[in-house]
Amino acid sequence: MLEKNPEFHNKANFKDKYFTNDGKERAFVNFNTFEILWFNTGTLCNIECKNCYIESSPKNDSLAYIKFGEVEKFLDEIITIDKIKTVGFTGGEPFMNPDIIDIISECLNRNFDVLVLTNAMRPMMRHNISLLNLKKKYANKLSIRVSLDSFDKNIHDSHRGDSSWGKALFGLLWLSDNSFNFKVATRKFSEDNEYSIRKSFNQLFEKFKIRLDAFSNNDLIIFPEMTDNFFSQEISTECWGKVKIKPDELMCSNSRMIVKKKNKDKPNVQACTLIPYHPDFDLGKTLKQSKKKVYLNHRFCSQFCVLGGSSCS
């Protein structure tokens, strides 16, 4: 690929934290207040998707399973510095974390709304009784968002592995049949049209009687495509007057993600759910330390948040 060619590597964007490749001041986002606190439960996953931005797989443990006590410490801290409503969990596959049910239960017991991102496959279904009990006790305060790469079985399986579509659909039907608060997230590839995606998902939902409205941005979230192209458009401070989104609308202005990096004694706070490894986005060991400006020195800042106009929450 182009970025692996030494002749071009030095010309790649996103080299300098403070300046773009053409010498302009790099755009940054000031932190306002916590609206959602994310936890990465670990990068291990039951499947290995070709387009996974975090490279989750059955073998990738670059981010270790975060433990109940580690989550609890950040929950204790957050109530002392901000009043947040939502706690989110991503992975990897969150339902593979051995402590996940206890962690979710604790968050709900503290009156947080909880959002869990999942592929809705076997790891989730292993916890079906526990999830039903949580739903019964806390009603719609628990929300589950299912990732589907496409409405088309063949396209989905080409990205996520043979038979993954059927297993994910089974989990999605179980959530629908049991009246969970749930939604679907998919992605828009470069050749796709958003209306046609929603129309096709609408046909899927109607066919299987899934209780979602494909034309609702809340029920069906469509994320932009993210690539490993280091020549993605950089964002300078002067870009704010030219793009549709404002700095205080980006998720790094109101959220942080807790990660437990492999072989580290303690978790740390990352600026963004999409960038768990990059040192420029490591904001310290506490939430209080993390309340600082974030320079948009990564291709995902451009592809997903600014030009893509998306947010994980």
C-alpha atoms as a PDB file:
ATOM      1  CA  MET A   1       0.000   0.000   0.000  1.00  0.00           C
ATOM      2  CA  LEU A   2       1.069   3.621  -0.566  1.00  0.00           C
ATOM      3  CA  GLU A   3       1.848   4.513   3.047  1.00  0.00           C
ATOM      4  CA  LYS A   4       4.263   1.552   3.306  1.00  0.00           C
ATOM      5  CA  ASN A   5       6.388   2.901   0.465  1.00  0.00           C
ATOM      6  CA  PRO A   6       9.393   4.788   1.999  1.00  0.00           C
ATOM      7  CA  GLU A   7       9.385   7.232  -0.910  1.00  0.00           C
ATOM      8  CA  PHE A   8       5.925   8.464   0.085  1.00  0.00           C
ATOM      9  CA  HIS A   9       5.928   7.910   3.832  1.00  0.00           C
ATOM     10  CA  ASN A  10       7.638  11.195   4.687  1.00  0.00           C
ATOM     11  CA  LYS A  11       4.988  13.047   2.712  1.00  0.00           C
ATOM     12  CA  ALA A  12       2.141  11.457   4.651  1.00  0.00           C
ATOM     13  CA  ASN A  13      -0.217  13.628   6.650  1.00  0.00           C
ATOM     14  CA  PHE A  14      -0.742  13.619  10.428  1.00  0.00           C
ATOM     15  CA  LYS A  15       2.964  13.717  11.308  1.00  0.00           C
ATOM     16  CA  ASP A  16       2.985  16.787  13.559  1.00  0.00           C
ATOM     17  CA  LYS A  17       0.652  17.253  16.509  1.00  0.00           C
ATOM     18  CA  TYR A  18       0.410  21.021  16.129  1.00  0.00           C
ATOM     19  CA  PHE A  19       0.727  21.689  12.405  1.00  0.00           C
ATOM     20  CA  THR A  20      -0.665  20.147   9.230  1.00  0.00           C
ATOM     21  CA  ASN A  21       1.634  18.890   6.499  1.00  0.00           C
ATOM     22  CA  ASP A  22       1.336  22.197   4.622  1.00  0.00           C
ATOM     23  CA  GLY A  23       2.331  24.226   7.697  1.00  0.00           C
ATOM     24  CA  LYS A  24      -1.072  25.412   8.887  1.00  0.00           C
ATOM     25  CA  GLU A  25      -2.131  25.369  12.542  1.00  0.00           C
ATOM     26  CA  ARG A  26      -3.800  22.039  13.239  1.00  0.00           C
ATOM     27  CA  ALA A  27      -7.410  22.167  14.394  1.00  0.00           C
ATOM     28  CA  PHE A  28      -8.092  21.290  18.013  1.00  0.00           C
ATOM     29  CA  VAL A  29     -11.114  20.718  20.205  1.00  0.00           C
ATOM     30  CA  ASN A  30     -11.486  22.088  23.724  1.00  0.00           C
ATOM     31  CA  PHE A  31     -13.153  19.909  26.338  1.00  0.00           C
ATOM     32  CA  ASN A  32     -16.508  21.214  27.548  1.00  0.00           C
ATOM     33  CA  THR A  33     -18.195  18.724  29.863  1.00  0.00           C
ATOM     34  CA  PHE A  34     -18.763  14.991  30.126  1.00  0.00           C
ATOM     35  CA  GLU A  35     -21.883  13.759  28.381  1.00  0.00           C
ATOM     36  CA  ILE A  36     -20.838  10.123  27.973  1.00  0.00           C
ATOM     37  CA  LEU A  37     -18.027   8.048  29.456  1.00  0.00           C
ATOM     38  CA  TRP A  38     -16.817   5.104  27.377  1.00  0.00           C
ATOM     39  CA  PHE A  39     -15.020   1.960  28.473  1.00  0.00           C
ATOM     40  CA  ASN A  40     -13.204  -0.343  26.087  1.00  0.00           C
ATOM     41  CA  THR A  41     -13.785  -3.789  27.542  1.00  0.00           C
ATOM     42  CA  GLY A  42     -10.809  -5.325  25.680  1.00  0.00           C
ATOM     43  CA  THR A  43      -9.841  -5.938  22.051  1.00  0.00           C
ATOM     44  CA  LEU A  44     -10.557  -9.666  22.051  1.00  0.00           C
ATOM     45  CA  CYS A  45     -13.489 -10.545  19.810  1.00  0.00           C
ATOM     46  CA  ASN A  46     -15.164 -13.738  18.643  1.00  0.00           C
ATOM     47  CA  ILE A  47     -14.702 -12.711  14.990  1.00  0.00           C
ATOM     48  CA  GLU A  48     -12.078 -10.881  12.932  1.00  0.00           C
ATOM     49  CA  CYS A  49     -13.555  -8.250  10.629  1.00  0.00           C
ATOM     50  CA  LYS A  50     -11.533  -7.070   7.650  1.00  0.00           C
ATOM     51  CA  ASN A  51     -12.423  -3.438   8.263  1.00  0.00           C
ATOM     52  CA  CYS A  52     -12.196  -3.273  12.074  1.00  0.00           C
ATOM     53  CA  TYR A  53     -10.633   0.087  12.976  1.00  0.00           C
ATOM     54  CA  ILE A  54      -9.249  -1.347  16.230  1.00  0.00           C
ATOM     55  CA  GLU A  55      -8.143  -4.687  14.718  1.00  0.00           C
ATOM     56  CA  SER A  56     -10.165  -6.763  17.177  1.00  0.00           C
ATOM     57  CA  SER A  57      -9.895 -10.523  16.785  1.00  0.00           C
ATOM     58  CA  PRO A  58      -9.834 -13.776  18.790  1.00  0.00           C
ATOM     59  CA  LYS A  59      -6.068 -13.234  19.211  1.00  0.00           C
ATOM     60  CA  ASN A  60      -5.637  -9.475  19.645  1.00  0.00           C
ATOM     61  CA  ASP A  61      -5.355  -8.655  23.345  1.00  0.00           C
ATOM     62  CA  SER A  62      -3.551  -5.314  22.872  1.00  0.00           C
ATOM     63  CA  LEU A  63      -6.236  -3.903  25.150  1.00  0.00           C
ATOM     64  CA  ALA A  64      -6.772  -6.199  28.116  1.00  0.00           C
ATOM     65  CA  TYR A  65     -10.104  -7.007  29.709  1.00  0.00           C
ATOM     66  CA  ILE A  66     -10.963  -4.128  32.010  1.00  0.00           C
ATOM     67  CA  LYS A  67     -12.014  -5.327  35.462  1.00  0.00           C
ATOM     68  CA  PHE A  68     -15.004  -4.469  37.616  1.00  0.00           C
ATOM     69  CA  GLY A  69     -12.915  -2.654  40.239  1.00  0.00           C
ATOM     70  CA  GLU A  70     -11.178  -0.554  37.578  1.00  0.00           C
ATOM     71  CA  VAL A  71     -14.497   0.562  36.123  1.00  0.00           C
ATOM     72  CA  GLU A  72     -15.817   1.272  39.603  1.00  0.00           C
ATOM     73  CA  LYS A  73     -12.968   3.709  40.333  1.00  0.00           C
ATOM     74  CA  PHE A  74     -13.817   5.811  37.293  1.00  0.00           C
ATOM     75  CA  LEU A  75     -17.525   5.739  38.145  1.00  0.00           C
ATOM     76  CA  ASP A  76     -16.614   7.029  41.599  1.00  0.00           C
ATOM     77  CA  GLU A  77     -14.517   9.791  40.071  1.00  0.00           C
ATOM     78  CA  ILE A  78     -17.009  10.941  37.465  1.00  0.00           C
ATOM     79  CA  ILE A  79     -19.665  11.820  40.013  1.00  0.00           C
ATOM     80  CA  THR A  80     -17.195  14.173  41.714  1.00  0.00           C
ATOM     81  CA  ILE A  81     -16.376  16.207  38.590  1.00  0.00           C
ATOM     82  CA  ASP A  82     -19.390  16.060  36.238  1.00  0.00           C
ATOM     83  CA  LYS A  83     -22.959  14.883  36.104  1.00  0.00           C
ATOM     84  CA  ILE A  84     -23.114  12.496  33.180  1.00  0.00           C
ATOM     85  CA  LYS A  85     -26.101  10.512  32.028  1.00  0.00           C
ATOM     86  CA  THR A  86     -24.628   7.725  29.880  1.00  0.00           C
ATOM     87  CA  VAL A  87     -21.896   5.107  30.178  1.00  0.00           C
ATOM     88  CA  GLY A  88     -20.944   3.255  26.985  1.00  0.00           C
ATOM     89  CA  PHE A  89     -19.107  -0.022  26.382  1.00  0.00           C
ATOM     90  CA  THR A  90     -17.231  -1.013  23.259  1.00  0.00           C
ATOM     91  CA  GLY A  91     -14.558  -3.548  22.334  1.00  0.00           C
ATOM     92  CA  GLY A  92     -13.594  -5.985  20.930  1.00  0.00           C
ATOM     93  CA  GLU A  93     -16.779  -7.727  21.849  1.00  0.00           C
ATOM     94  CA  PRO A  94     -17.926  -6.423  25.261  1.00  0.00           C
ATOM     95  CA  PHE A  95     -19.854  -9.580  26.128  1.00  0.00           C
ATOM     96  CA  MET A  96     -16.603 -11.575  26.082  1.00  0.00           C
ATOM     97  CA  ASN A  97     -15.332  -9.670  29.111  1.00  0.00           C
ATOM     98  CA  PRO A  98     -15.829 -11.934  32.171  1.00  0.00           C
ATOM     99  CA  ASP A  99     -16.977  -8.992  34.323  1.00  0.00           C
ATOM    100  CA  ILE A 100     -19.341  -7.412  31.813  1.00  0.00           C
ATOM    101  CA  ILE A 101     -22.659  -8.285  33.454  1.00  0.00           C
ATOM    102  CA  ASP A 102     -21.448  -7.154  36.881  1.00  0.00           C
ATOM    103  CA  ILE A 103     -20.106  -3.946  35.306  1.00  0.00           C
ATOM    104  CA  ILE A 104     -23.357  -3.191  33.464  1.00  0.00           C
ATOM    105  CA  SER A 105     -25.366  -3.960  36.598  1.00  0.00           C
ATOM    106  CA  GLU A 106     -23.276  -1.562  38.668  1.00  0.00           C
ATOM    107  CA  CYS A 107     -23.715   1.239  36.144  1.00  0.00           C
ATOM    108  CA  LEU A 108     -27.460   0.725  35.993  1.00  0.00           C
ATOM    109  CA  ASN A 109     -27.652   0.532  39.785  1.00  0.00           C
ATOM    110  CA  ARG A 110     -25.953   3.936  39.920  1.00  0.00           C
ATOM    111  CA  ASN A 111     -28.727   5.261  37.652  1.00  0.00           C
ATOM    112  CA  PHE A 112     -26.628   5.685  34.520  1.00  0.00           C
ATOM    113  CA  ASP A 113     -28.072   4.936  31.105  1.00  0.00           C
ATOM    114  CA  VAL A 114     -25.958   2.159  29.584  1.00  0.00           C
ATOM    115  CA  LEU A 115     -25.117   1.678  25.898  1.00  0.00           C
ATOM    116  CA  VAL A 116     -23.411  -1.558  24.816  1.00  0.00           C
ATOM    117  CA  LEU A 117     -21.998  -2.037  21.308  1.00  0.00           C
ATOM    118  CA  THR A 118     -22.052  -5.683  20.198  1.00  0.00           C
ATOM    119  CA  ASN A 119     -22.131  -7.979  17.188  1.00  0.00           C
ATOM    120  CA  ALA A 120     -25.101  -9.763  18.836  1.00  0.00           C
ATOM    121  CA  MET A 121     -23.565 -13.180  18.326  1.00  0.00           C
ATOM    122  CA  ARG A 122     -22.839 -16.052  20.719  1.00  0.00           C
ATOM    123  CA  PRO A 123     -21.008 -13.984  23.408  1.00  0.00           C
ATOM    124  CA  MET A 124     -24.131 -11.860  23.877  1.00  0.00           C
ATOM    125  CA  MET A 125     -26.505 -14.797  23.747  1.00  0.00           C
ATOM    126  CA  ARG A 126     -24.556 -16.599  26.496  1.00  0.00           C
ATOM    127  CA  HIS A 127     -25.826 -13.854  28.792  1.00  0.00           C
ATOM    128  CA  ASN A 128     -29.445 -13.996  27.635  1.00  0.00           C
ATOM    129  CA  ILE A 129     -30.919 -14.731  31.080  1.00  0.00           C
ATOM    130  CA  SER A 130     -28.846 -12.031  32.778  1.00  0.00           C
ATOM    131  CA  LEU A 131     -29.793  -9.500  30.099  1.00  0.00           C
ATOM    132  CA  LEU A 132     -33.476 -10.325  30.449  1.00  0.00           C
ATOM    133  CA  ASN A 133     -33.186  -9.822  34.215  1.00  0.00           C
ATOM    134  CA  LEU A 134     -31.463  -6.464  33.736  1.00  0.00           C
ATOM    135  CA  LYS A 135     -34.123  -5.376  31.260  1.00  0.00           C
ATOM    136  CA  LYS A 136     -36.874  -6.375  33.672  1.00  0.00           C
ATOM    137  CA  LYS A 137     -35.269  -4.450  36.525  1.00  0.00           C
ATOM    138  CA  TYR A 138     -34.061  -1.340  34.681  1.00  0.00           C
ATOM    139  CA  ALA A 139     -36.356  -1.213  31.626  1.00  0.00           C
ATOM    140  CA  ASN A 140     -35.048   0.990  28.827  1.00  0.00           C
ATOM    141  CA  LYS A 141     -32.022   2.338  30.707  1.00  0.00           C
ATOM    142  CA  LEU A 142     -30.077  -0.467  29.022  1.00  0.00           C
ATOM    143  CA  SER A 143     -29.565   0.086  25.279  1.00  0.00           C
ATOM    144  CA  ILE A 144     -27.845  -2.357  22.927  1.00  0.00           C
ATOM    145  CA  ARG A 145     -26.468  -1.329  19.557  1.00  0.00           C
ATOM    146  CA  VAL A 146     -25.849  -4.113  17.046  1.00  0.00           C
ATOM    147  CA  SER A 147     -23.201  -3.754  14.351  1.00  0.00           C
ATOM    148  CA  LEU A 148     -24.132  -5.059  10.901  1.00  0.00           C
ATOM    149  CA  ASP A 149     -21.810  -4.316   8.008  1.00  0.00           C
ATOM    150  CA  SER A 150     -24.634  -4.608   5.502  1.00  0.00           C
ATOM    151  CA  PHE A 151     -28.268  -5.524   4.927  1.00  0.00           C
ATOM    152  CA  ASP A 152     -26.910  -8.098   2.464  1.00  0.00           C
ATOM    153  CA  LYS A 153     -25.795 -11.458   3.881  1.00  0.00           C
ATOM    154  CA  ASN A 154     -23.030 -11.975   1.331  1.00  0.00           C
ATOM    155  CA  ILE A 155     -21.520  -8.512   1.820  1.00  0.00           C
ATOM    156  CA  HIS A 156     -21.724  -8.835   5.598  1.00  0.00           C
ATOM    157  CA  ASP A 157     -20.094 -12.290   5.601  1.00  0.00           C
ATOM    158  CA  SER A 158     -17.365 -11.129   3.237  1.00  0.00           C
ATOM    159  CA  HIS A 159     -16.285  -8.628   5.892  1.00  0.00           C
ATOM    160  CA  ARG A 160     -17.051 -10.574   9.062  1.00  0.00           C
ATOM    161  CA  GLY A 161     -16.627 -14.231   8.139  1.00  0.00           C
ATOM    162  CA  ASP A 162     -18.789 -17.097   6.891  1.00  0.00           C
ATOM    163  CA  SER A 163     -22.055 -17.634   8.790  1.00  0.00           C
ATOM    164  CA  SER A 164     -21.618 -14.443  10.821  1.00  0.00           C
ATOM    165  CA  TRP A 165     -24.740 -12.922   9.239  1.00  0.00           C
ATOM    166  CA  GLY A 166     -27.092 -15.650  10.407  1.00  0.00           C
ATOM    167  CA  LYS A 167     -25.731 -15.583  13.954  1.00  0.00           C
ATOM    168  CA  ALA A 168     -25.985 -11.807  14.171  1.00  0.00           C
ATOM    169  CA  LEU A 169     -29.521 -11.869  12.773  1.00  0.00           C
ATOM    170  CA  PHE A 170     -30.518 -14.456  15.386  1.00  0.00           C
ATOM    171  CA  GLY A 171     -29.300 -12.141  18.153  1.00  0.00           C
ATOM    172  CA  LEU A 172     -31.015  -9.150  16.587  1.00  0.00           C
ATOM    173  CA  LEU A 173     -34.306 -11.049  16.392  1.00  0.00           C
ATOM    174  CA  TRP A 174     -33.938 -12.103  20.031  1.00  0.00           C
ATOM    175  CA  LEU A 175     -33.510  -8.464  21.097  1.00  0.00           C
ATOM    176  CA  SER A 176     -36.528  -7.434  19.037  1.00  0.00           C
ATOM    177  CA  ASP A 177     -38.759 -10.297  20.184  1.00  0.00           C
ATOM    178  CA  ASN A 178     -37.944  -9.535  23.824  1.00  0.00           C
ATOM    179  CA  SER A 179     -38.614  -5.804  23.433  1.00  0.00           C
ATOM    180  CA  PHE A 180     -35.147  -4.571  24.324  1.00  0.00           C
ATOM    181  CA  ASN A 181     -34.132  -0.981  23.739  1.00  0.00           C
ATOM    182  CA  PHE A 182     -31.879  -1.655  20.752  1.00  0.00           C
ATOM    183  CA  LYS A 183     -30.680  -0.202  17.458  1.00  0.00           C
ATOM    184  CA  VAL A 184     -28.492  -1.097  14.490  1.00  0.00           C
ATOM    185  CA  ALA A 185     -25.276   0.520  13.289  1.00  0.00           C
ATOM    186  CA  THR A 186     -23.969   0.001   9.777  1.00  0.00           C
ATOM    187  CA  ARG A 187     -21.481   1.690   7.508  1.00  0.00           C
ATOM    188  CA  LYS A 188     -21.637   3.551   4.241  1.00  0.00           C
ATOM    189  CA  PHE A 189     -18.954   2.495   1.802  1.00  0.00           C
ATOM    190  CA  SER A 190     -17.758   4.948  -0.836  1.00  0.00           C
ATOM    191  CA  GLU A 191     -20.027   3.600  -3.581  1.00  0.00           C
ATOM    192  CA  ASP A 192     -23.149   3.499  -1.406  1.00  0.00           C
ATOM    193  CA  ASN A 193     -26.105   5.877  -1.270  1.00  0.00           C
ATOM    194  CA  GLU A 194     -27.657   6.540   2.135  1.00  0.00           C
ATOM    195  CA  TYR A 195     -31.248   6.393   0.936  1.00  0.00           C
ATOM    196  CA  SER A 196     -30.714   3.039  -0.777  1.00  0.00           C
ATOM    197  CA  ILE A 197     -29.089   1.680   2.396  1.00  0.00           C
ATOM    198  CA  ARG A 198     -32.074   2.731   4.488  1.00  0.00           C
ATOM    199  CA  LYS A 199     -34.533   1.386   1.932  1.00  0.00           C
ATOM    200  CA  SER A 200     -32.813  -2.006   1.908  1.00  0.00           C
ATOM    201  CA  PHE A 201     -32.626  -2.164   5.696  1.00  0.00           C
ATOM    202  CA  ASN A 202     -36.312  -1.242   5.811  1.00  0.00           C
ATOM    203  CA  GLN A 203     -37.069  -4.293   3.672  1.00  0.00           C
ATOM    204  CA  LEU A 204     -34.941  -6.431   5.990  1.00  0.00           C
ATOM    205  CA  PHE A 205     -36.675  -5.129   9.116  1.00  0.00           C
ATOM    206  CA  GLU A 206     -40.119  -5.668   7.597  1.00  0.00           C
ATOM    207  CA  LYS A 207     -39.272  -9.171   6.389  1.00  0.00           C
ATOM    208  CA  PHE A 208     -38.170 -10.341   9.840  1.00  0.00           C
ATOM    209  CA  LYS A 209     -40.571  -8.111  11.815  1.00  0.00           C
ATOM    210  CA  ILE A 210     -37.714  -6.321  13.563  1.00  0.00           C
ATOM    211  CA  ARG A 211     -39.047  -3.393  15.588  1.00  0.00           C
ATOM    212  CA  LEU A 212     -36.881  -0.673  14.063  1.00  0.00           C
ATOM    213  CA  ASP A 213     -37.497   2.210  11.679  1.00  0.00           C
ATOM    214  CA  ALA A 214     -34.760   2.156   9.037  1.00  0.00           C
ATOM    215  CA  PHE A 215     -35.494   5.779   8.122  1.00  0.00           C
ATOM    216  CA  SER A 216     -34.841   6.953  11.679  1.00  0.00           C
ATOM    217  CA  ASN A 217     -31.321   8.157  12.474  1.00  0.00           C
ATOM    218  CA  ASN A 218     -31.861   6.901  16.004  1.00  0.00           C
ATOM    219  CA  ASP A 219     -32.815   3.341  15.015  1.00  0.00           C
ATOM    220  CA  LEU A 220     -30.348   2.919  12.143  1.00  0.00           C
ATOM    221  CA  ILE A 221     -27.015   4.724  12.464  1.00  0.00           C
ATOM    222  CA  ILE A 222     -24.947   4.891   9.273  1.00  0.00           C
ATOM    223  CA  PHE A 223     -21.263   5.556   9.829  1.00  0.00           C
ATOM    224  CA  PRO A 224     -18.848   6.738   7.142  1.00  0.00           C
ATOM    225  CA  GLU A 225     -16.149   4.463   5.815  1.00  0.00           C
ATOM    226  CA  MET A 226     -12.792   4.655   7.600  1.00  0.00           C
ATOM    227  CA  THR A 227      -9.610   3.641   5.800  1.00  0.00           C
ATOM    228  CA  ASP A 228      -5.883   3.376   6.474  1.00  0.00           C
ATOM    229  CA  ASN A 229      -5.127   6.112   3.968  1.00  0.00           C
ATOM    230  CA  PHE A 230      -2.636   8.499   5.589  1.00  0.00           C
ATOM    231  CA  PHE A 231      -3.312  11.021   2.819  1.00  0.00           C
ATOM    232  CA  SER A 232      -6.776  11.757   4.197  1.00  0.00           C
ATOM    233  CA  GLN A 233      -7.639  15.449   4.414  1.00  0.00           C
ATOM    234  CA  GLU A 234      -6.047  17.174   7.403  1.00  0.00           C
ATOM    235  CA  ILE A 235      -8.079  19.687   9.386  1.00  0.00           C
ATOM    236  CA  SER A 236      -6.561  23.100  10.101  1.00  0.00           C
ATOM    237  CA  THR A 237      -8.080  25.798  12.303  1.00  0.00           C
ATOM    238  CA  GLU A 238      -9.265  27.694   9.220  1.00  0.00           C
ATOM    239  CA  CYS A 239     -11.354  24.662   8.186  1.00  0.00           C
ATOM    240  CA  TRP A 240     -13.946  25.326  10.889  1.00  0.00           C
ATOM    241  CA  GLY A 241     -15.548  27.999   8.748  1.00  0.00           C
ATOM    242  CA  LYS A 242     -15.798  25.636   5.786  1.00  0.00           C
ATOM    243  CA  VAL A 243     -17.218  22.438   7.284  1.00  0.00           C
ATOM    244  CA  LYS A 244     -20.719  21.749   8.561  1.00  0.00           C
ATOM    245  CA  ILE A 245     -19.680  20.637  12.036  1.00  0.00           C
ATOM    246  CA  LYS A 246     -18.446  22.797  14.932  1.00  0.00           C
ATOM    247  CA  PRO A 247     -15.673  21.862  17.389  1.00  0.00           C
ATOM    248  CA  ASP A 248     -18.030  21.587  20.357  1.00  0.00           C
ATOM    249  CA  GLU A 249     -20.131  19.068  18.414  1.00  0.00           C
ATOM    250  CA  LEU A 250     -17.274  16.559  18.183  1.00  0.00           C
ATOM    251  CA  MET A 251     -17.243  13.704  20.664  1.00  0.00           C
ATOM    252  CA  CYS A 252     -13.812  14.627  22.050  1.00  0.00           C
ATOM    253  CA  SER A 253     -15.436  17.812  23.422  1.00  0.00           C
ATOM    254  CA  ASN A 254     -17.767  15.822  25.666  1.00  0.00           C
ATOM    255  CA  SER A 255     -16.565  12.223  26.055  1.00  0.00           C
ATOM    256  CA  ARG A 256     -13.536  10.113  26.903  1.00  0.00           C
ATOM    257  CA  MET A 257     -12.726   6.397  26.712  1.00  0.00           C
ATOM    258  CA  ILE A 258     -11.047   4.287  29.389  1.00  0.00           C
ATOM    259  CA  VAL A 259      -8.690   1.575  28.101  1.00  0.00           C
ATOM    260  CA  LYS A 260      -6.496  -1.035  29.802  1.00  0.00           C
ATOM    261  CA  LYS A 261      -3.420  -1.466  27.620  1.00  0.00           C
ATOM    262  CA  LYS A 262      -1.691  -4.838  27.677  1.00  0.00           C
ATOM    263  CA  ASN A 263       0.991  -5.191  30.376  1.00  0.00           C
ATOM    264  CA  LYS A 264      -0.007  -1.904  32.028  1.00  0.00           C
ATOM    265  CA  ASP A 265      -0.842  -1.835  35.729  1.00  0.00           C
ATOM    266  CA  LYS A 266      -3.651   0.681  35.420  1.00  0.00           C
ATOM    267  CA  PRO A 267      -6.102   1.887  32.780  1.00  0.00           C
ATOM    268  CA  ASN A 268      -5.642   5.249  31.116  1.00  0.00           C
ATOM    269  CA  VAL A 269      -7.967   7.797  29.538  1.00  0.00           C
ATOM    270  CA  GLN A 270      -7.999   8.181  25.746  1.00  0.00           C
ATOM    271  CA  ALA A 271      -9.517  11.178  23.999  1.00  0.00           C
ATOM    272  CA  CYS A 272     -11.524   9.122  21.546  1.00  0.00           C
ATOM    273  CA  THR A 273     -13.221   5.748  21.154  1.00  0.00           C
ATOM    274  CA  LEU A 274     -11.638   5.346  17.713  1.00  0.00           C
ATOM    275  CA  ILE A 275      -8.011   5.943  18.690  1.00  0.00           C
ATOM    276  CA  PRO A 276      -7.096   3.688  21.628  1.00  0.00           C
ATOM    277  CA  TYR A 277      -3.344   3.353  21.065  1.00  0.00           C
ATOM    278  CA  HIS A 278      -1.947   6.660  19.761  1.00  0.00           C
ATOM    279  CA  PRO A 279       0.154   8.445  22.452  1.00  0.00           C
ATOM    280  CA  ASP A 280      -1.077  11.897  21.360  1.00  0.00           C
ATOM    281  CA  PHE A 281      -4.557  10.831  22.474  1.00  0.00           C
ATOM    282  CA  ASP A 282      -3.465   9.425  25.866  1.00  0.00           C
ATOM    283  CA  LEU A 283      -4.719  12.023  28.335  1.00  0.00           C
ATOM    284  CA  GLY A 284      -3.571  10.547  31.642  1.00  0.00           C
ATOM    285  CA  LYS A 285      -4.766   8.213  34.361  1.00  0.00           C
ATOM    286  CA  THR A 286      -7.723  10.186  35.692  1.00  0.00           C
ATOM    287  CA  LEU A 287     -10.782  11.852  34.211  1.00  0.00           C
ATOM    288  CA  LYS A 288      -9.799  15.154  35.787  1.00  0.00           C
ATOM    289  CA  GLN A 289      -6.428  15.033  33.992  1.00  0.00           C
ATOM    290  CA  SER A 290      -8.157  14.262  30.698  1.00  0.00           C
ATOM    291  CA  LYS A 291     -10.133  17.501  30.519  1.00  0.00           C
ATOM    292  CA  LYS A 292      -7.775  19.164  28.057  1.00  0.00           C
ATOM    293  CA  LYS A 293      -7.752  20.191  24.391  1.00  0.00           C
ATOM    294  CA  VAL A 294      -7.336  17.510  21.728  1.00  0.00           C
ATOM    295  CA  TYR A 295      -5.433  18.175  18.499  1.00  0.00           C
ATOM    296  CA  LEU A 296      -7.025  16.422  15.517  1.00  0.00           C
ATOM    297  CA  ASN A 297      -3.834  14.653  14.480  1.00  0.00           C
ATOM    298  CA  HIS A 298      -5.290  11.420  13.095  1.00  0.00           C
ATOM    299  CA  ARG A 299      -6.993  10.384   9.876  1.00  0.00           C
ATOM    300  CA  PHE A 300     -10.058   9.177  11.810  1.00  0.00           C
ATOM    301  CA  CYS A 301     -10.588  12.733  13.112  1.00  0.00           C
ATOM    302  CA  SER A 302     -11.012  13.769   9.507  1.00  0.00           C
ATOM    303  CA  GLN A 303     -12.709  10.718   7.976  1.00  0.00           C
ATOM    304  CA  PHE A 304     -15.195  10.004  10.759  1.00  0.00           C
ATOM    305  CA  CYS A 305     -15.819  13.069  12.869  1.00  0.00           C
ATOM    306  CA  VAL A 306     -15.209  16.231  10.844  1.00  0.00           C
ATOM    307  CA  LEU A 307     -15.803  15.336   7.201  1.00  0.00           C
ATOM    308  CA  GLY A 308     -17.852  12.227   8.015  1.00  0.00           C
ATOM    309  CA  GLY A 309     -19.952  14.127  10.560  1.00  0.00           C
ATOM    310  CA  SER A 310     -20.376  11.138  12.879  1.00  0.00           C
ATOM    311  CA  SER A 311     -20.189  10.400  16.579  1.00  0.00           C
ATOM    312  CA  CYS A 312     -19.975   7.096  18.435  1.00  0.00           C
ATOM    313  CA  SER A 313     -22.725   8.225  20.789  1.00  0.00           C
END
